[in-house]
Structures are given as C-alpha cells and as structure tokens.
Amino acid sequence: MSTYTYIIYFAVIIAVFYFFMIRPESKRKKQAEQMRNSLAVGDDITTIGGIVGKIVHLSDDFVTFETGEDRVRMQVAKWAISSNTKSTTQQ
C-alpha cells in the first residue's frame, strides 16, 4: 500500500471521530449553556447532584432555590444545574 492510502485512512478515522464524538458533545454543551442562560425565577430545576427545587433568586453565577415544603434555601453555581422544567403552576 502506498503512503497516500495511509494518509486517506488516517483522514477518514479523524472524520469519524469528529462526527461521532466531538460534534455531538459540543452540541450538548451548547444546549446546556443555553438552558442555564434561560433560567427564570419560579422554574423547577434539578442539580447535577439530584437535588430538586424551585428558583427564588438568580445572579450572574449563582442560583438560589427552595427545596421541598420546608422551604430550605440552597445556593449553587449555575454550572451545577442539569435540567430545567418550566413551572406550569400559577400562584
């Protein structure tokens, strides 16, 4: 096999890695960042540690939320929010 064949195989392997590993991961990161930037007071959130609560205060880098009926307030960094469920109940 010639040198050009090895170069082509190497290029194909790099392309496969890009389209199946790197590109989807960057899309997930972009979606997570967009979700964190769209947080609003009253949204139900889940942290990466599995704690669930409702947002009561937002700042640039931190989120304060209440957990459960006992109204315990916790403050976490925004990057620690894993999911956001828009609150559907009106008060």
PDB file of N, CA and C in Angstrom:
ATOM      1  N   MET A   1       0.845  -1.180   0.000  1.00  0.00           N
ATOM      2  CA  MET A   1       0.000   0.000   0.000  1.00  0.00           C
ATOM      3  C   MET A   1       0.891   1.244   0.000  1.00  0.00           C
ATOM      4  N   SER A   2       0.393   2.244  -0.651  1.00  0.00           N
ATOM      5  CA  SER A   2       1.194   3.451  -0.774  1.00  0.00           C
ATOM      6  C   SER A   2       0.985   4.380   0.423  1.00  0.00           C
ATOM      7  N   THR A   3       1.813   5.376   0.488  1.00  0.00           N
ATOM      8  CA  THR A   3       1.737   6.356   1.569  1.00  0.00           C
ATOM      9  C   THR A   3       0.421   7.121   1.514  1.00  0.00           C
ATOM     10  N   TYR A   4      -0.065   7.388   0.318  1.00  0.00           N
ATOM     11  CA  TYR A   4      -1.319   8.126   0.167  1.00  0.00           C
ATOM     12  C   TYR A   4      -2.497   7.351   0.747  1.00  0.00           C
ATOM     13  N   THR A   5      -2.473   6.061   0.651  1.00  0.00           N
ATOM     14  CA  THR A   5      -3.540   5.237   1.204  1.00  0.00           C
ATOM     15  C   THR A   5      -3.577   5.363   2.722  1.00  0.00           C
ATOM     16  N   TYR A   6      -2.426   5.349   3.363  1.00  0.00           N
ATOM     17  CA  TYR A   6      -2.380   5.519   4.820  1.00  0.00           C
ATOM     18  C   TYR A   6      -2.882   6.904   5.232  1.00  0.00           C
ATOM     19  N   ILE A   7      -2.541   7.903   4.457  1.00  0.00           N
ATOM     20  CA  ILE A   7      -2.999   9.267   4.756  1.00  0.00           C
ATOM     21  C   ILE A   7      -4.522   9.353   4.629  1.00  0.00           C
ATOM     22  N   ILE A   8      -5.060   8.698   3.617  1.00  0.00           N
ATOM     23  CA  ILE A   8      -6.516   8.694   3.432  1.00  0.00           C
ATOM     24  C   ILE A   8      -7.201   7.963   4.589  1.00  0.00           C
ATOM     25  N   TYR A   9      -6.671   6.810   4.993  1.00  0.00           N
ATOM     26  CA  TYR A   9      -7.241   6.077   6.131  1.00  0.00           C
ATOM     27  C   TYR A   9      -7.201   6.922   7.395  1.00  0.00           C
ATOM     28  N   PHE A  10      -6.103   7.597   7.613  1.00  0.00           N
ATOM     29  CA  PHE A  10      -5.967   8.442   8.798  1.00  0.00           C
ATOM     30  C   PHE A  10      -6.978   9.585   8.767  1.00  0.00           C
ATOM     31  N   ALA A  11      -7.172  10.190   7.605  1.00  0.00           N
ATOM     32  CA  ALA A  11      -8.136  11.279   7.462  1.00  0.00           C
ATOM     33  C   ALA A  11      -9.567  10.782   7.708  1.00  0.00           C
ATOM     34  N   VAL A  12      -9.881   9.592   7.242  1.00  0.00           N
ATOM     35  CA  VAL A  12     -11.211   9.017   7.456  1.00  0.00           C
ATOM     36  C   VAL A  12     -11.441   8.748   8.940  1.00  0.00           C
ATOM     37  N   ILE A  13     -10.458   8.241   9.631  1.00  0.00           N
ATOM     38  CA  ILE A  13     -10.578   7.978  11.069  1.00  0.00           C
ATOM     39  C   ILE A  13     -10.802   9.283  11.837  1.00  0.00           C
ATOM     40  N   ILE A  14     -10.082  10.321  11.492  1.00  0.00           N
ATOM     41  CA  ILE A  14     -10.259  11.624  12.140  1.00  0.00           C
ATOM     42  C   ILE A  14     -11.665  12.156  11.876  1.00  0.00           C
ATOM     43  N   ALA A  15     -12.156  12.025  10.651  1.00  0.00           N
ATOM     44  CA  ALA A  15     -13.505  12.491  10.308  1.00  0.00           C
ATOM     45  C   ALA A  15     -14.567  11.726  11.101  1.00  0.00           C
ATOM     46  N   VAL A  16     -14.384  10.421  11.246  1.00  0.00           N
ATOM     47  CA  VAL A  16     -15.338   9.610  12.017  1.00  0.00           C
ATOM     48  C   VAL A  16     -15.349  10.064  13.466  1.00  0.00           C
ATOM     49  N   PHE A  17     -14.184  10.272  14.072  1.00  0.00           N
ATOM     50  CA  PHE A  17     -14.117  10.758  15.450  1.00  0.00           C
ATOM     51  C   PHE A  17     -14.824  12.107  15.580  1.00  0.00           C
ATOM     52  N   TYR A  18     -14.613  12.988  14.632  1.00  0.00           N
ATOM     53  CA  TYR A  18     -15.219  14.308  14.699  1.00  0.00           C
ATOM     54  C   TYR A  18     -16.747  14.214  14.659  1.00  0.00           C
ATOM     55  N   PHE A  19     -17.293  13.477  13.686  1.00  0.00           N
ATOM     56  CA  PHE A  19     -18.738  13.445  13.510  1.00  0.00           C
ATOM     57  C   PHE A  19     -19.467  12.589  14.535  1.00  0.00           C
ATOM     58  N   PHE A  20     -18.809  11.610  15.131  1.00  0.00           N
ATOM     59  CA  PHE A  20     -19.495  10.747  16.092  1.00  0.00           C
ATOM     60  C   PHE A  20     -19.165  11.049  17.546  1.00  0.00           C
ATOM     61  N   MET A  21     -18.115  11.811  17.825  1.00  0.00           N
ATOM     62  CA  MET A  21     -17.754  12.069  19.216  1.00  0.00           C
ATOM     63  C   MET A  21     -17.660  13.558  19.533  1.00  0.00           C
ATOM     64  N   ILE A  22     -16.900  14.306  18.792  1.00  0.00           N
ATOM     65  CA  ILE A  22     -16.618  15.693  19.139  1.00  0.00           C
ATOM     66  C   ILE A  22     -17.817  16.594  18.833  1.00  0.00           C
ATOM     67  N   ARG A  23     -18.398  16.485  17.673  1.00  0.00           N
ATOM     68  CA  ARG A  23     -19.505  17.359  17.273  1.00  0.00           C
ATOM     69  C   ARG A  23     -20.733  17.191  18.160  1.00  0.00           C
ATOM     70  N   PRO A  24     -21.197  15.967  18.443  1.00  0.00           N
ATOM     71  CA  PRO A  24     -22.364  15.825  19.329  1.00  0.00           C
ATOM     72  C   PRO A  24     -22.113  16.360  20.738  1.00  0.00           C
ATOM     73  N   GLU A  25     -20.900  16.186  21.247  1.00  0.00           N
ATOM     74  CA  GLU A  25     -20.580  16.682  22.586  1.00  0.00           C
ATOM     75  C   GLU A  25     -20.630  18.198  22.626  1.00  0.00           C
ATOM     76  N   SER A  26     -20.128  18.856  21.605  1.00  0.00           N
ATOM     77  CA  SER A  26     -20.173  20.316  21.592  1.00  0.00           C
ATOM     78  C   SER A  26     -21.615  20.818  21.453  1.00  0.00           C
ATOM     79  N   LYS A  27     -22.467  20.075  20.743  1.00  0.00           N
ATOM     80  CA  LYS A  27     -23.881  20.442  20.658  1.00  0.00           C
ATOM     81  C   LYS A  27     -24.551  20.332  22.025  1.00  0.00           C
ATOM     82  N   ARG A  28     -24.252  19.266  22.775  1.00  0.00           N
ATOM     83  CA  ARG A  28     -24.830  19.098  24.114  1.00  0.00           C
ATOM     84  C   ARG A  28     -24.382  20.219  25.044  1.00  0.00           C
ATOM     85  N   LYS A  29     -23.121  20.595  24.968  1.00  0.00           N
ATOM     86  CA  LYS A  29     -22.617  21.686  25.806  1.00  0.00           C
ATOM     87  C   LYS A  29     -23.316  22.994  25.470  1.00  0.00           C
ATOM     88  N   LYS A  30     -23.518  23.250  24.189  1.00  0.00           N
ATOM     89  CA  LYS A  30     -24.179  24.474  23.763  1.00  0.00           C
ATOM     90  C   LYS A  30     -25.626  24.502  24.253  1.00  0.00           C
ATOM     91  N   GLN A  31     -26.341  23.374  24.171  1.00  0.00           N
ATOM     92  CA  GLN A  31     -27.719  23.309  24.652  1.00  0.00           C
ATOM     93  C   GLN A  31     -27.789  23.512  26.158  1.00  0.00           C
ATOM     94  N   ALA A  32     -26.855  22.935  26.910  1.00  0.00           N
ATOM     95  CA  ALA A  32     -26.836  23.100  28.361  1.00  0.00           C
ATOM     96  C   ALA A  32     -26.571  24.549  28.731  1.00  0.00           C
ATOM     97  N   GLU A  33     -25.653  25.206  28.043  1.00  0.00           N
ATOM     98  CA  GLU A  33     -25.361  26.613  28.315  1.00  0.00           C
ATOM     99  C   GLU A  33     -26.570  27.483  28.003  1.00  0.00           C
ATOM    100  N   GLN A  34     -27.257  27.178  26.915  1.00  0.00           N
ATOM    101  CA  GLN A  34     -28.455  27.932  26.551  1.00  0.00           C
ATOM    102  C   GLN A  34     -29.546  27.739  27.604  1.00  0.00           C
ATOM    103  N   MET A  35     -29.716  26.515  28.112  1.00  0.00           N
ATOM    104  CA  MET A  35     -30.698  26.242  29.148  1.00  0.00           C
ATOM    105  C   MET A  35     -30.364  27.023  30.419  1.00  0.00           C
ATOM    106  N   ARG A  36     -29.110  27.056  30.802  1.00  0.00           N
ATOM    107  CA  ARG A  36     -28.700  27.769  32.018  1.00  0.00           C
ATOM    108  C   ARG A  36     -28.874  29.277  31.871  1.00  0.00           C
ATOM    109  N   ASN A  37     -28.686  29.795  30.681  1.00  0.00           N
ATOM    110  CA  ASN A  37     -28.874  31.229  30.460  1.00  0.00           C
ATOM    111  C   ASN A  37     -30.338  31.630  30.420  1.00  0.00           C
ATOM    112  N   SER A  38     -31.244  30.667  30.188  1.00  0.00           N
ATOM    113  CA  SER A  38     -32.668  30.982  30.115  1.00  0.00           C
ATOM    114  C   SER A  38     -33.403  30.697  31.420  1.00  0.00           C
ATOM    115  N   LEU A  39     -32.685  30.442  32.503  1.00  0.00           N
ATOM    116  CA  LEU A  39     -33.330  30.196  33.794  1.00  0.00           C
ATOM    117  C   LEU A  39     -34.080  31.438  34.250  1.00  0.00           C
ATOM    118  N   ALA A  40     -35.213  31.215  34.938  1.00  0.00           N
ATOM    119  CA  ALA A  40     -36.008  32.321  35.457  1.00  0.00           C
ATOM    120  C   ALA A  40     -36.534  31.957  36.836  1.00  0.00           C
ATOM    121  N   VAL A  41     -36.856  32.970  37.618  1.00  0.00           N
ATOM    122  CA  VAL A  41     -37.419  32.746  38.949  1.00  0.00           C
ATOM    123  C   VAL A  41     -38.737  31.991  38.788  1.00  0.00           C
ATOM    124  N   GLY A  42     -38.909  30.943  39.593  1.00  0.00           N
ATOM    125  CA  GLY A  42     -40.110  30.116  39.534  1.00  0.00           C
ATOM    126  C   GLY A  42     -39.933  28.816  38.782  1.00  0.00           C
ATOM    127  N   ASP A  43     -38.840  28.666  38.046  1.00  0.00           N
ATOM    128  CA  ASP A  43     -38.583  27.427  37.313  1.00  0.00           C
ATOM    129  C   ASP A  43     -38.216  26.308  38.278  1.00  0.00           C
ATOM    130  N   ASP A  44     -38.670  25.105  37.959  1.00  0.00           N
ATOM    131  CA  ASP A  44     -38.274  23.917  38.719  1.00  0.00           C
ATOM    132  C   ASP A  44     -36.997  23.381  38.100  1.00  0.00           C
ATOM    133  N   ILE A  45     -35.979  23.135  38.932  1.00  0.00           N
ATOM    134  CA  ILE A  45     -34.679  22.705  38.433  1.00  0.00           C
ATOM    135  C   ILE A  45     -34.223  21.441  39.140  1.00  0.00           C
ATOM    136  N   THR A  46     -33.264  20.781  38.540  1.00  0.00           N
ATOM    137  CA  THR A  46     -32.577  19.646  39.141  1.00  0.00           C
ATOM    138  C   THR A  46     -31.084  19.905  39.009  1.00  0.00           C
ATOM    139  N   THR A  47     -30.341  19.722  40.107  1.00  0.00           N
ATOM    140  CA  THR A  47     -28.899  19.934  40.067  1.00  0.00           C
ATOM    141  C   THR A  47     -28.212  18.659  39.596  1.00  0.00           C
ATOM    142  N   ILE A  48     -26.913  18.753  39.327  1.00  0.00           N
ATOM    143  CA  ILE A  48     -26.175  17.565  38.907  1.00  0.00           C
ATOM    144  C   ILE A  48     -26.067  16.546  40.027  1.00  0.00           C
ATOM    145  N   GLY A  49     -26.313  16.980  41.259  1.00  0.00           N
ATOM    146  CA  GLY A  49     -26.312  16.072  42.396  1.00  0.00           C
ATOM    147  C   GLY A  49     -27.665  15.434  42.658  1.00  0.00           C
ATOM    148  N   GLY A  50     -28.698  15.832  41.875  1.00  0.00           N
ATOM    149  CA  GLY A  50     -30.016  15.240  42.013  1.00  0.00           C
ATOM    150  C   GLY A  50     -30.957  16.002  42.934  1.00  0.00           C
ATOM    151  N   ILE A  51     -30.574  17.169  43.399  1.00  0.00           N
ATOM    152  CA  ILE A  51     -31.434  17.961  44.272  1.00  0.00           C
ATOM    153  C   ILE A  51     -32.432  18.723  43.410  1.00  0.00           C
ATOM    154  N   VAL A  52     -33.708  18.658  43.798  1.00  0.00           N
ATOM    155  CA  VAL A  52     -34.785  19.280  43.036  1.00  0.00           C
ATOM    156  C   VAL A  52     -35.323  20.461  43.823  1.00  0.00           C
ATOM    157  N   GLY A  53     -35.637  21.557  43.135  1.00  0.00           N
ATOM    158  CA  GLY A  53     -36.196  22.710  43.814  1.00  0.00           C
ATOM    159  C   GLY A  53     -36.730  23.743  42.851  1.00  0.00           C
ATOM    160  N   LYS A  54     -37.228  24.849  43.418  1.00  0.00           N
ATOM    161  CA  LYS A  54     -37.794  25.946  42.643  1.00  0.00           C
ATOM    162  C   LYS A  54     -36.931  27.183  42.851  1.00  0.00           C
ATOM    163  N   ILE A  55     -36.555  27.838  41.755  1.00  0.00           N
ATOM    164  CA  ILE A  55     -35.684  29.012  41.809  1.00  0.00           C
ATOM    165  C   ILE A  55     -36.402  30.178  42.488  1.00  0.00           C
ATOM    166  N   VAL A  56     -35.700  30.811  43.453  1.00  0.00           N
ATOM    167  CA  VAL A  56     -36.241  32.002  44.110  1.00  0.00           C
ATOM    168  C   VAL A  56     -35.388  33.238  43.846  1.00  0.00           C
ATOM    169  N   HIS A  57     -34.122  33.060  43.441  1.00  0.00           N
ATOM    170  CA  HIS A  57     -33.256  34.207  43.153  1.00  0.00           C
ATOM    171  C   HIS A  57     -32.177  33.775  42.170  1.00  0.00           C
ATOM    172  N   LEU A  58     -31.861  34.681  41.245  1.00  0.00           N
ATOM    173  CA  LEU A  58     -30.815  34.433  40.246  1.00  0.00           C
ATOM    174  C   LEU A  58     -29.783  35.544  40.284  1.00  0.00           C
ATOM    175  N   SER A  59     -28.525  35.179  40.100  1.00  0.00           N
ATOM    176  CA  SER A  59     -27.471  36.159  39.865  1.00  0.00           C
ATOM    177  C   SER A  59     -26.681  35.681  38.651  1.00  0.00           C
ATOM    178  N   ASP A  60     -25.625  36.375  38.307  1.00  0.00           N
ATOM    179  CA  ASP A  60     -24.868  36.000  37.112  1.00  0.00           C
ATOM    180  C   ASP A  60     -24.257  34.608  37.214  1.00  0.00           C
ATOM    181  N   ASP A  61     -23.740  34.258  38.391  1.00  0.00           N
ATOM    182  CA  ASP A  61     -23.034  32.994  38.535  1.00  0.00           C
ATOM    183  C   ASP A  61     -23.710  31.987  39.465  1.00  0.00           C
ATOM    184  N   PHE A  62     -24.695  32.432  40.255  1.00  0.00           N
ATOM    185  CA  PHE A  62     -25.296  31.553  41.256  1.00  0.00           C
ATOM    186  C   PHE A  62     -26.818  31.532  41.143  1.00  0.00           C
ATOM    187  N   VAL A  63     -27.396  30.416  41.607  1.00  0.00           N
ATOM    188  CA  VAL A  63     -28.840  30.235  41.638  1.00  0.00           C
ATOM    189  C   VAL A  63     -29.227  29.867  43.067  1.00  0.00           C
ATOM    190  N   THR A  64     -30.231  30.542  43.614  1.00  0.00           N
ATOM    191  CA  THR A  64     -30.764  30.195  44.926  1.00  0.00           C
ATOM    192  C   THR A  64     -32.129  29.561  44.693  1.00  0.00           C
ATOM    193  N   PHE A  65     -32.352  28.393  45.308  1.00  0.00           N
ATOM    194  CA  PHE A  65     -33.621  27.703  45.119  1.00  0.00           C
ATOM    195  C   PHE A  65     -34.098  27.097  46.424  1.00  0.00           C
ATOM    196  N   GLU A  66     -35.420  26.852  46.491  1.00  0.00           N
ATOM    197  CA  GLU A  66     -36.042  26.232  47.659  1.00  0.00           C
ATOM    198  C   GLU A  66     -36.300  24.770  47.347  1.00  0.00           C
ATOM    199  N   THR A  67     -36.090  23.944  48.366  1.00  0.00           N
ATOM    200  CA  THR A  67     -36.337  22.520  48.211  1.00  0.00           C
ATOM    201  C   THR A  67     -37.470  22.108  49.139  1.00  0.00           C
ATOM    202  N   GLY A  68     -38.427  21.395  48.617  1.00  0.00           N
ATOM    203  CA  GLY A  68     -39.495  20.820  49.422  1.00  0.00           C
ATOM    204  C   GLY A  68     -40.412  21.836  50.075  1.00  0.00           C
ATOM    205  N   GLU A  69     -41.302  21.312  50.908  1.00  0.00           N
ATOM    206  CA  GLU A  69     -42.285  22.156  51.581  1.00  0.00           C
ATOM    207  C   GLU A  69     -41.703  22.885  52.776  1.00  0.00           C
ATOM    208  N   ASP A  70     -40.545  22.442  53.275  1.00  0.00           N
ATOM    209  CA  ASP A  70     -39.955  23.096  54.444  1.00  0.00           C
ATOM    210  C   ASP A  70     -39.196  24.365  54.077  1.00  0.00           C
ATOM    211  N   ARG A  71     -39.149  24.702  52.777  1.00  0.00           N
ATOM    212  CA  ARG A  71     -38.574  25.949  52.271  1.00  0.00           C
ATOM    213  C   ARG A  71     -37.094  26.132  52.614  1.00  0.00           C
ATOM    214  N   VAL A  72     -36.333  25.063  52.585  1.00  0.00           N
ATOM    215  CA  VAL A  72     -34.891  25.165  52.772  1.00  0.00           C
ATOM    216  C   VAL A  72     -34.311  25.788  51.512  1.00  0.00           C
ATOM    217  N   ARG A  73     -33.533  26.845  51.687  1.00  0.00           N
ATOM    218  CA  ARG A  73     -32.930  27.519  50.536  1.00  0.00           C
ATOM    219  C   ARG A  73     -31.480  27.082  50.376  1.00  0.00           C
ATOM    220  N   MET A  74     -31.119  26.823  49.134  1.00  0.00           N
ATOM    221  CA  MET A  74     -29.759  26.414  48.805  1.00  0.00           C
ATOM    222  C   MET A  74     -29.265  27.295  47.673  1.00  0.00           C
ATOM    223  N   GLN A  75     -27.962  27.528  47.677  1.00  0.00           N
ATOM    224  CA  GLN A  75     -27.348  28.311  46.612  1.00  0.00           C
ATOM    225  C   GLN A  75     -26.283  27.451  45.949  1.00  0.00           C
ATOM    226  N   VAL A  76     -26.349  27.378  44.614  1.00  0.00           N
ATOM    227  CA  VAL A  76     -25.383  26.600  43.845  1.00  0.00           C
ATOM    228  C   VAL A  76     -24.892  27.439  42.670  1.00  0.00           C
ATOM    229  N   ALA A  77     -23.773  27.048  42.121  1.00  0.00           N
ATOM    230  CA  ALA A  77     -23.263  27.693  40.912  1.00  0.00           C
ATOM    231  C   ALA A  77     -24.163  27.315  39.736  1.00  0.00           C
ATOM    232  N   LYS A  78     -24.287  28.221  38.785  1.00  0.00           N
ATOM    233  CA  LYS A  78     -25.159  27.966  37.630  1.00  0.00           C
ATOM    234  C   LYS A  78     -24.748  26.718  36.852  1.00  0.00           C
ATOM    235  N   TRP A  79     -23.446  26.451  36.782  1.00  0.00           N
ATOM    236  CA  TRP A  79     -22.995  25.287  36.008  1.00  0.00           C
ATOM    237  C   TRP A  79     -23.449  23.976  36.648  1.00  0.00           C
ATOM    238  N   ALA A  80     -23.928  24.015  37.896  1.00  0.00           N
ATOM    239  CA  ALA A  80     -24.358  22.802  38.584  1.00  0.00           C
ATOM    240  C   ALA A  80     -25.809  22.434  38.285  1.00  0.00           C
ATOM    241  N   ILE A  81     -26.504  23.217  37.471  1.00  0.00           N
ATOM    242  CA  ILE A  81     -27.890  22.916  37.114  1.00  0.00           C
ATOM    243  C   ILE A  81     -27.870  21.962  35.925  1.00  0.00           C
ATOM    244  N   SER A  82     -28.549  20.813  36.079  1.00  0.00           N
ATOM    245  CA  SER A  82     -28.530  19.838  34.990  1.00  0.00           C
ATOM    246  C   SER A  82     -29.791  19.870  34.143  1.00  0.00           C
ATOM    247  N   SER A  83     -30.935  20.237  34.733  1.00  0.00           N
ATOM    248  CA  SER A  83     -32.155  20.308  33.931  1.00  0.00           C
ATOM    249  C   SER A  83     -33.082  21.375  34.482  1.00  0.00           C
ATOM    250  N   ASN A  84     -33.943  21.856  33.604  1.00  0.00           N
ATOM    251  CA  ASN A  84     -34.872  22.925  33.933  1.00  0.00           C
ATOM    252  C   ASN A  84     -36.243  22.524  33.432  1.00  0.00           C
ATOM    253  N   THR A  85     -37.217  22.524  34.332  1.00  0.00           N
ATOM    254  CA  THR A  85     -38.605  22.279  33.960  1.00  0.00           C
ATOM    255  C   THR A  85     -39.353  23.556  34.237  1.00  0.00           C
ATOM    256  N   LYS A  86     -39.830  24.205  33.206  1.00  0.00           N
ATOM    257  CA  LYS A  86     -40.559  25.450  33.391  1.00  0.00           C
ATOM    258  C   LYS A  86     -41.763  25.185  34.278  1.00  0.00           C
ATOM    259  N   SER A  87     -41.944  26.038  35.267  1.00  0.00           N
ATOM    260  CA  SER A  87     -43.056  25.879  36.194  1.00  0.00           C
ATOM    261  C   SER A  87     -44.365  26.152  35.482  1.00  0.00           C
ATOM    262  N   THR A  88     -45.322  25.222  35.607  1.00  0.00           N
ATOM    263  CA  THR A  88     -46.598  25.371  34.936  1.00  0.00           C
ATOM    264  C   THR A  88     -47.712  25.815  35.877  1.00  0.00           C
ATOM    265  N   THR A  89     -47.438  25.815  37.177  1.00  0.00           N
ATOM    266  CA  THR A  89     -48.450  26.228  38.140  1.00  0.00           C
ATOM    267  C   THR A  89     -48.397  27.732  38.328  1.00  0.00           C
ATOM    268  N   GLN A  90     -49.543  28.371  38.358  1.00  0.00           N
ATOM    269  CA  GLN A  90     -49.640  29.806  38.582  1.00  0.00           C
ATOM    270  C   GLN A  90     -50.000  30.045  40.038  1.00  0.00           C
ATOM    271  N   GLN A  91     -49.347  31.006  40.672  1.00  0.00           N
ATOM    272  CA  GLN A  91     -49.653  31.294  42.064  1.00  0.00           C
ATOM    273  C   GLN A  91     -50.313  32.631  42.194  1.00  0.00           C
TER     274      GLN A  91
END
